[in-house]
Amino acid sequence: MSRKIPKPTDAELEILQILWAKGPSTVRTVNELLNKKREVGYTTTLKLMQIMADKGLAKRNTDSRTHIYEAGVEETDTQNRLLQKFVDNTFRGSAMKMVMQALGNHNASQEELEKIKALIEQIEDQNKEDQ
């Protein structure tokens, strides 16, 4: 029986972003990258990564003296879960409301608009196939 992976905290998500981008990394590497944005103590990073391993958000390889951590969850799965929760909680489940709000508050480039149009066409084509 698989256990449900909890939603990452903001600090855990920040570490996951590093692990997704860099791949398996030491605590020191993760801490150095975190410190480029804001000051974070090494022991704080270590404790967070240990908690993440306990939760299943990260995996810890203890084969060598220096422990190597890697993401224990897929980036797209995590993004999808967080986005769905955000849409449900903020826009009462309406993706349309979210998109309209985002487009209304963001000056989309022509390239972004073309990608949005292509995505809409792709979804429309898929809906036609499903019928």
N, C-alpha and C. Protein backbone atom coordinates (compact mmCIF):
# COMPACT_ATOMS: atom_id res chain seq x y z
N MET A 1 0.84 -1.17 0.00
CA MET A 1 0.00 0.00 0.00
C MET A 1 0.89 1.24 0.00
N SER A 2 0.70 2.14 -0.98
CA SER A 2 1.53 3.33 -1.06
C SER A 2 0.95 4.40 -0.15
N ARG A 3 1.84 5.13 0.51
CA ARG A 3 1.37 6.20 1.38
C ARG A 3 1.32 7.49 0.57
N LYS A 4 0.44 8.37 0.97
CA LYS A 4 0.26 9.63 0.27
C LYS A 4 1.41 10.57 0.63
N ILE A 5 2.01 11.12 -0.40
CA ILE A 5 3.10 12.07 -0.19
C ILE A 5 2.48 13.42 0.20
N PRO A 6 2.94 14.03 1.29
CA PRO A 6 2.35 15.30 1.73
C PRO A 6 2.74 16.45 0.81
N LYS A 7 1.97 17.52 0.89
CA LYS A 7 2.27 18.75 0.15
C LYS A 7 3.55 19.35 0.74
N PRO A 8 4.51 19.70 -0.11
CA PRO A 8 5.73 20.31 0.42
C PRO A 8 5.48 21.73 0.93
N THR A 9 6.20 22.08 1.99
CA THR A 9 6.16 23.46 2.47
C THR A 9 6.91 24.33 1.47
N ASP A 10 6.85 25.63 1.65
CA ASP A 10 7.58 26.54 0.75
C ASP A 10 9.08 26.25 0.79
N ALA A 11 9.63 26.04 1.97
CA ALA A 11 11.06 25.76 2.10
C ALA A 11 11.42 24.42 1.43
N GLU A 12 10.56 23.42 1.60
CA GLU A 12 10.80 22.12 0.97
C GLU A 12 10.70 22.22 -0.54
N LEU A 13 9.78 23.03 -1.02
CA LEU A 13 9.61 23.21 -2.46
C LEU A 13 10.84 23.90 -3.05
N GLU A 14 11.40 24.82 -2.30
CA GLU A 14 12.63 25.49 -2.74
C GLU A 14 13.77 24.48 -2.90
N ILE A 15 13.87 23.55 -1.97
CA ILE A 15 14.90 22.50 -2.05
C ILE A 15 14.60 21.55 -3.20
N LEU A 16 13.33 21.19 -3.36
CA LEU A 16 12.96 20.31 -4.48
C LEU A 16 13.32 20.95 -5.81
N GLN A 17 13.12 22.26 -5.94
CA GLN A 17 13.46 22.96 -7.19
C GLN A 17 14.94 22.76 -7.51
N ILE A 18 15.77 22.83 -6.50
CA ILE A 18 17.21 22.63 -6.69
C ILE A 18 17.49 21.19 -7.08
N LEU A 19 16.88 20.24 -6.37
CA LEU A 19 17.13 18.82 -6.67
C LEU A 19 16.63 18.45 -8.07
N TRP A 20 15.50 19.01 -8.50
CA TRP A 20 15.01 18.75 -9.85
C TRP A 20 15.96 19.32 -10.90
N ALA A 21 16.48 20.50 -10.64
CA ALA A 21 17.36 21.16 -11.61
C ALA A 21 18.75 20.55 -11.64
N LYS A 22 19.33 20.26 -10.47
CA LYS A 22 20.72 19.79 -10.39
C LYS A 22 20.85 18.28 -10.34
N GLY A 23 19.78 17.59 -9.97
CA GLY A 23 19.89 16.15 -9.77
C GLY A 23 20.43 15.85 -8.39
N PRO A 24 20.83 14.60 -8.14
CA PRO A 24 21.33 14.22 -6.82
C PRO A 24 22.41 15.17 -6.33
N SER A 25 22.28 15.62 -5.09
CA SER A 25 23.17 16.65 -4.55
C SER A 25 23.42 16.43 -3.07
N THR A 26 24.53 16.97 -2.61
CA THR A 26 24.83 16.95 -1.18
C THR A 26 24.08 18.09 -0.49
N VAL A 27 24.00 18.00 0.81
CA VAL A 27 23.38 19.07 1.59
C VAL A 27 24.16 20.37 1.38
N ARG A 28 25.47 20.27 1.34
CA ARG A 28 26.32 21.46 1.16
C ARG A 28 25.99 22.16 -0.16
N THR A 29 25.86 21.38 -1.24
CA THR A 29 25.53 21.97 -2.55
C THR A 29 24.19 22.67 -2.50
N VAL A 30 23.19 22.01 -1.94
CA VAL A 30 21.85 22.59 -1.83
C VAL A 30 21.92 23.86 -0.99
N ASN A 31 22.63 23.81 0.13
CA ASN A 31 22.74 24.97 1.03
C ASN A 31 23.41 26.14 0.32
N GLU A 32 24.45 25.88 -0.45
CA GLU A 32 25.14 26.96 -1.17
C GLU A 32 24.20 27.62 -2.18
N LEU A 33 23.39 26.82 -2.86
CA LEU A 33 22.45 27.38 -3.84
C LEU A 33 21.33 28.15 -3.15
N LEU A 34 20.86 27.66 -2.01
CA LEU A 34 19.85 28.41 -1.24
C LEU A 34 20.40 29.76 -0.80
N ASN A 35 21.66 29.77 -0.41
CA ASN A 35 22.28 31.00 0.10
C ASN A 35 22.50 32.06 -0.97
N LYS A 36 22.35 31.69 -2.24
CA LYS A 36 22.43 32.69 -3.30
C LYS A 36 21.19 33.59 -3.29
N LYS A 37 20.08 33.07 -2.74
CA LYS A 37 18.83 33.84 -2.67
C LYS A 37 18.65 34.50 -1.31
N ARG A 38 18.96 33.76 -0.25
CA ARG A 38 18.80 34.26 1.11
C ARG A 38 19.68 33.42 2.02
N GLU A 39 19.99 33.97 3.18
CA GLU A 39 20.89 33.27 4.10
C GLU A 39 20.16 32.14 4.81
N VAL A 40 20.69 30.94 4.66
CA VAL A 40 20.13 29.75 5.30
C VAL A 40 21.29 28.99 5.92
N GLY A 41 21.16 28.63 7.19
CA GLY A 41 22.22 27.89 7.86
C GLY A 41 22.30 26.45 7.35
N TYR A 42 23.51 25.91 7.37
CA TYR A 42 23.74 24.55 6.91
C TYR A 42 22.88 23.55 7.70
N THR A 43 22.85 23.71 9.02
CA THR A 43 22.09 22.75 9.84
C THR A 43 20.58 22.85 9.56
N THR A 44 20.10 24.04 9.20
CA THR A 44 18.69 24.19 8.83
C THR A 44 18.40 23.42 7.55
N THR A 45 19.28 23.56 6.56
CA THR A 45 19.12 22.82 5.30
C THR A 45 19.18 21.32 5.55
N LEU A 46 20.14 20.89 6.37
CA LEU A 46 20.29 19.47 6.69
C LEU A 46 19.01 18.93 7.34
N LYS A 47 18.50 19.64 8.33
CA LYS A 47 17.30 19.19 9.04
C LYS A 47 16.10 19.11 8.09
N LEU A 48 15.95 20.14 7.25
CA LEU A 48 14.84 20.14 6.28
C LEU A 48 14.95 18.94 5.34
N MET A 49 16.15 18.65 4.86
CA MET A 49 16.32 17.54 3.92
C MET A 49 16.11 16.19 4.61
N GLN A 50 16.47 16.09 5.88
CA GLN A 50 16.19 14.86 6.64
C GLN A 50 14.68 14.67 6.81
N ILE A 51 13.98 15.75 7.11
CA ILE A 51 12.52 15.68 7.24
C ILE A 51 11.90 15.31 5.90
N MET A 52 12.41 15.89 4.82
CA MET A 52 11.89 15.58 3.49
C MET A 52 12.07 14.10 3.15
N ALA A 53 13.20 13.54 3.56
CA ALA A 53 13.45 12.10 3.33
C ALA A 53 12.46 11.27 4.14
N ASP A 54 12.20 11.67 5.37
CA ASP A 54 11.23 10.95 6.21
C ASP A 54 9.83 11.01 5.61
N LYS A 55 9.48 12.14 5.00
CA LYS A 55 8.15 12.32 4.40
C LYS A 55 8.01 11.64 3.04
N GLY A 56 9.15 11.30 2.42
CA GLY A 56 9.10 10.73 1.07
C GLY A 56 9.27 11.76 -0.02
N LEU A 57 9.51 13.02 0.35
CA LEU A 57 9.72 14.06 -0.65
C LEU A 57 11.12 13.99 -1.26
N ALA A 58 12.05 13.39 -0.53
CA ALA A 58 13.42 13.22 -1.01
C ALA A 58 13.88 11.82 -0.66
N LYS A 59 14.91 11.38 -1.39
CA LYS A 59 15.55 10.09 -1.11
C LYS A 59 16.99 10.37 -0.71
N ARG A 60 17.46 9.60 0.28
CA ARG A 60 18.81 9.80 0.79
C ARG A 60 19.65 8.56 0.51
N ASN A 61 20.79 8.76 -0.14
CA ASN A 61 21.72 7.67 -0.40
C ASN A 61 22.83 7.77 0.65
N THR A 62 22.92 6.74 1.49
CA THR A 62 23.89 6.76 2.60
C THR A 62 25.07 5.83 2.35
N ASP A 63 25.29 5.45 1.09
CA ASP A 63 26.38 4.53 0.77
C ASP A 63 27.76 5.11 1.06
N SER A 64 27.91 6.41 0.94
CA SER A 64 29.21 7.03 1.22
C SER A 64 29.09 7.89 2.48
N ARG A 65 30.22 8.40 2.91
CA ARG A 65 30.24 9.25 4.10
C ARG A 65 29.39 10.51 3.90
N THR A 66 29.46 11.07 2.69
CA THR A 66 28.66 12.24 2.34
C THR A 66 27.34 11.76 1.78
N HIS A 67 26.26 12.07 2.46
CA HIS A 67 24.94 11.63 2.01
C HIS A 67 24.51 12.45 0.78
N ILE A 68 23.96 11.74 -0.17
CA ILE A 68 23.47 12.37 -1.40
C ILE A 68 21.95 12.30 -1.39
N TYR A 69 21.32 13.42 -1.64
CA TYR A 69 19.86 13.49 -1.68
C TYR A 69 19.40 13.69 -3.12
N GLU A 70 18.25 13.11 -3.43
CA GLU A 70 17.60 13.38 -4.71
C GLU A 70 16.11 13.52 -4.48
N ALA A 71 15.44 14.14 -5.42
CA ALA A 71 14.00 14.33 -5.28
C ALA A 71 13.31 12.98 -5.20
N GLY A 72 12.36 12.87 -4.29
CA GLY A 72 11.60 11.64 -4.13
C GLY A 72 10.24 11.72 -4.82
N VAL A 73 9.96 12.87 -5.42
CA VAL A 73 8.70 13.08 -6.13
C VAL A 73 9.03 13.71 -7.48
N GLU A 74 8.19 13.43 -8.46
CA GLU A 74 8.38 13.98 -9.80
C GLU A 74 7.95 15.45 -9.83
N GLU A 75 8.69 16.24 -10.58
CA GLU A 75 8.39 17.67 -10.68
C GLU A 75 7.00 17.91 -11.25
N THR A 76 6.66 17.26 -12.37
CA THR A 76 5.35 17.52 -12.98
C THR A 76 4.21 17.04 -12.10
N ASP A 77 4.39 15.90 -11.41
CA ASP A 77 3.35 15.43 -10.48
C ASP A 77 3.12 16.44 -9.37
N THR A 78 4.20 16.96 -8.83
CA THR A 78 4.10 17.95 -7.74
C THR A 78 3.45 19.23 -8.24
N GLN A 79 3.86 19.70 -9.42
CA GLN A 79 3.26 20.90 -9.99
C GLN A 79 1.76 20.70 -10.20
N ASN A 80 1.38 19.55 -10.74
CA ASN A 80 -0.04 19.28 -10.98
C ASN A 80 -0.84 19.26 -9.68
N ARG A 81 -0.30 18.59 -8.65
CA ARG A 81 -1.00 18.54 -7.36
C ARG A 81 -1.16 19.92 -6.75
N LEU A 82 -0.07 20.70 -6.77
CA LEU A 82 -0.11 22.04 -6.17
C LEU A 82 -1.02 22.97 -6.97
N LEU A 83 -0.98 22.85 -8.29
CA LEU A 83 -1.83 23.70 -9.12
C LEU A 83 -3.30 23.36 -8.89
N GLN A 84 -3.62 22.08 -8.84
CA GLN A 84 -5.02 21.69 -8.63
C GLN A 84 -5.53 22.20 -7.28
N LYS A 85 -4.69 22.07 -6.26
CA LYS A 85 -5.09 22.57 -4.93
C LYS A 85 -5.28 24.09 -4.96
N PHE A 86 -4.38 24.78 -5.66
CA PHE A 86 -4.47 26.23 -5.78
C PHE A 86 -5.75 26.64 -6.52
N VAL A 87 -6.04 25.99 -7.64
CA VAL A 87 -7.25 26.31 -8.41
C VAL A 87 -8.48 26.04 -7.57
N ASP A 88 -8.50 24.90 -6.88
CA ASP A 88 -9.65 24.56 -6.04
C ASP A 88 -9.86 25.59 -4.93
N ASN A 89 -8.78 25.94 -4.24
CA ASN A 89 -8.89 26.82 -3.08
C ASN A 89 -9.06 28.30 -3.43
N THR A 90 -8.46 28.73 -4.53
CA THR A 90 -8.44 30.15 -4.85
C THR A 90 -9.52 30.54 -5.86
N PHE A 91 -9.78 29.65 -6.83
CA PHE A 91 -10.71 29.97 -7.91
C PHE A 91 -11.92 29.04 -7.93
N ARG A 92 -12.20 28.42 -6.77
CA ARG A 92 -13.34 27.51 -6.62
C ARG A 92 -13.38 26.46 -7.72
N GLY A 93 -12.20 25.97 -8.12
CA GLY A 93 -12.11 24.89 -9.09
C GLY A 93 -12.19 25.32 -10.54
N SER A 94 -12.27 26.62 -10.81
CA SER A 94 -12.41 27.10 -12.19
C SER A 94 -11.06 27.47 -12.79
N ALA A 95 -10.57 26.62 -13.69
CA ALA A 95 -9.32 26.92 -14.39
C ALA A 95 -9.49 28.16 -15.26
N MET A 96 -10.69 28.34 -15.81
CA MET A 96 -10.94 29.50 -16.65
C MET A 96 -10.76 30.79 -15.86
N LYS A 97 -11.29 30.84 -14.65
CA LYS A 97 -11.13 32.04 -13.82
C LYS A 97 -9.66 32.32 -13.55
N MET A 98 -8.90 31.26 -13.29
CA MET A 98 -7.48 31.43 -13.02
C MET A 98 -6.76 31.98 -14.25
N VAL A 99 -7.03 31.40 -15.42
CA VAL A 99 -6.36 31.84 -16.65
C VAL A 99 -6.75 33.28 -16.97
N MET A 100 -8.01 33.61 -16.84
CA MET A 100 -8.46 34.97 -17.13
C MET A 100 -7.79 35.97 -16.17
N GLN A 101 -7.67 35.60 -14.91
CA GLN A 101 -7.00 36.47 -13.92
C GLN A 101 -5.53 36.64 -14.29
N ALA A 102 -4.87 35.53 -14.63
CA ALA A 102 -3.44 35.58 -14.97
C ALA A 102 -3.21 36.42 -16.21
N LEU A 103 -4.03 36.23 -17.24
CA LEU A 103 -3.86 37.00 -18.47
C LEU A 103 -4.21 38.47 -18.27
N GLY A 104 -5.18 38.73 -17.41
CA GLY A 104 -5.56 40.11 -17.14
C GLY A 104 -4.51 40.88 -16.36
N ASN A 105 -3.71 40.17 -15.56
CA ASN A 105 -2.69 40.81 -14.72
C ASN A 105 -1.28 40.71 -15.30
N HIS A 106 -1.16 40.12 -16.48
CA HIS A 106 0.15 39.88 -17.06
C HIS A 106 0.14 40.32 -18.51
N ASN A 107 1.10 41.09 -18.92
CA ASN A 107 1.20 41.53 -20.30
C ASN A 107 1.90 40.42 -21.10
N ALA A 108 1.10 39.51 -21.66
CA ALA A 108 1.63 38.34 -22.37
C ALA A 108 2.32 38.77 -23.66
N SER A 109 3.46 38.15 -23.93
CA SER A 109 4.17 38.42 -25.18
C SER A 109 3.45 37.72 -26.33
N GLN A 110 3.80 38.09 -27.53
CA GLN A 110 3.20 37.46 -28.71
C GLN A 110 3.52 35.96 -28.72
N GLU A 111 4.74 35.61 -28.31
CA GLU A 111 5.13 34.20 -28.26
C GLU A 111 4.28 33.42 -27.25
N GLU A 112 4.05 34.02 -26.08
CA GLU A 112 3.21 33.37 -25.07
C GLU A 112 1.77 33.20 -25.59
N LEU A 113 1.25 34.22 -26.26
CA LEU A 113 -0.10 34.13 -26.80
C LEU A 113 -0.20 33.03 -27.86
N GLU A 114 0.82 32.89 -28.68
CA GLU A 114 0.83 31.84 -29.70
C GLU A 114 0.85 30.46 -29.05
N LYS A 115 1.61 30.31 -27.99
CA LYS A 115 1.66 29.03 -27.27
C LYS A 115 0.31 28.72 -26.63
N ILE A 116 -0.35 29.74 -26.09
CA ILE A 116 -1.67 29.55 -25.48
C ILE A 116 -2.67 29.12 -26.55
N LYS A 117 -2.64 29.77 -27.71
CA LYS A 117 -3.54 29.41 -28.81
C LYS A 117 -3.29 27.97 -29.26
N ALA A 118 -2.03 27.59 -29.37
CA ALA A 118 -1.69 26.22 -29.79
C ALA A 118 -2.19 25.20 -28.77
N LEU A 119 -2.07 25.53 -27.49
CA LEU A 119 -2.56 24.64 -26.44
C LEU A 119 -4.08 24.50 -26.51
N ILE A 120 -4.78 25.60 -26.73
CA ILE A 120 -6.24 25.55 -26.85
C ILE A 120 -6.63 24.67 -28.04
N GLU A 121 -5.95 24.83 -29.17
CA GLU A 121 -6.24 24.01 -30.34
C GLU A 121 -5.99 22.53 -30.05
N GLN A 122 -4.91 22.24 -29.36
CA GLN A 122 -4.58 20.86 -29.00
C GLN A 122 -5.67 20.26 -28.12
N ILE A 123 -6.13 21.01 -27.15
CA ILE A 123 -7.19 20.54 -26.25
C ILE A 123 -8.49 20.33 -27.03
N GLU A 124 -8.81 21.27 -27.92
CA GLU A 124 -10.02 21.13 -28.74
C GLU A 124 -9.95 19.88 -29.61
N ASP A 125 -8.79 19.65 -30.24
CA ASP A 125 -8.62 18.46 -31.08
C ASP A 125 -8.77 17.19 -30.26
N GLN A 126 -8.20 17.18 -29.06
CA GLN A 126 -8.30 16.00 -28.19
C GLN A 126 -9.75 15.76 -27.76
N ASN A 127 -10.49 16.84 -27.47
CA ASN A 127 -11.90 16.71 -27.10
C ASN A 127 -12.72 16.14 -28.25
N LYS A 128 -12.39 16.54 -29.49
CA LYS A 128 -13.10 16.00 -30.66
C LYS A 128 -12.85 14.50 -30.80
N GLU A 129 -11.59 14.09 -30.55
CA GLU A 129 -11.24 12.67 -30.65
C GLU A 129 -11.95 11.85 -29.58
N ASP A 130 -12.12 12.43 -28.41
CA ASP A 130 -12.74 11.72 -27.29
C ASP A 130 -14.26 11.54 -27.47
N GLN A 131 -14.86 12.33 -28.35
CA GLN A 131 -16.33 12.27 -28.53
C GLN A 131 -16.73 11.16 -29.46
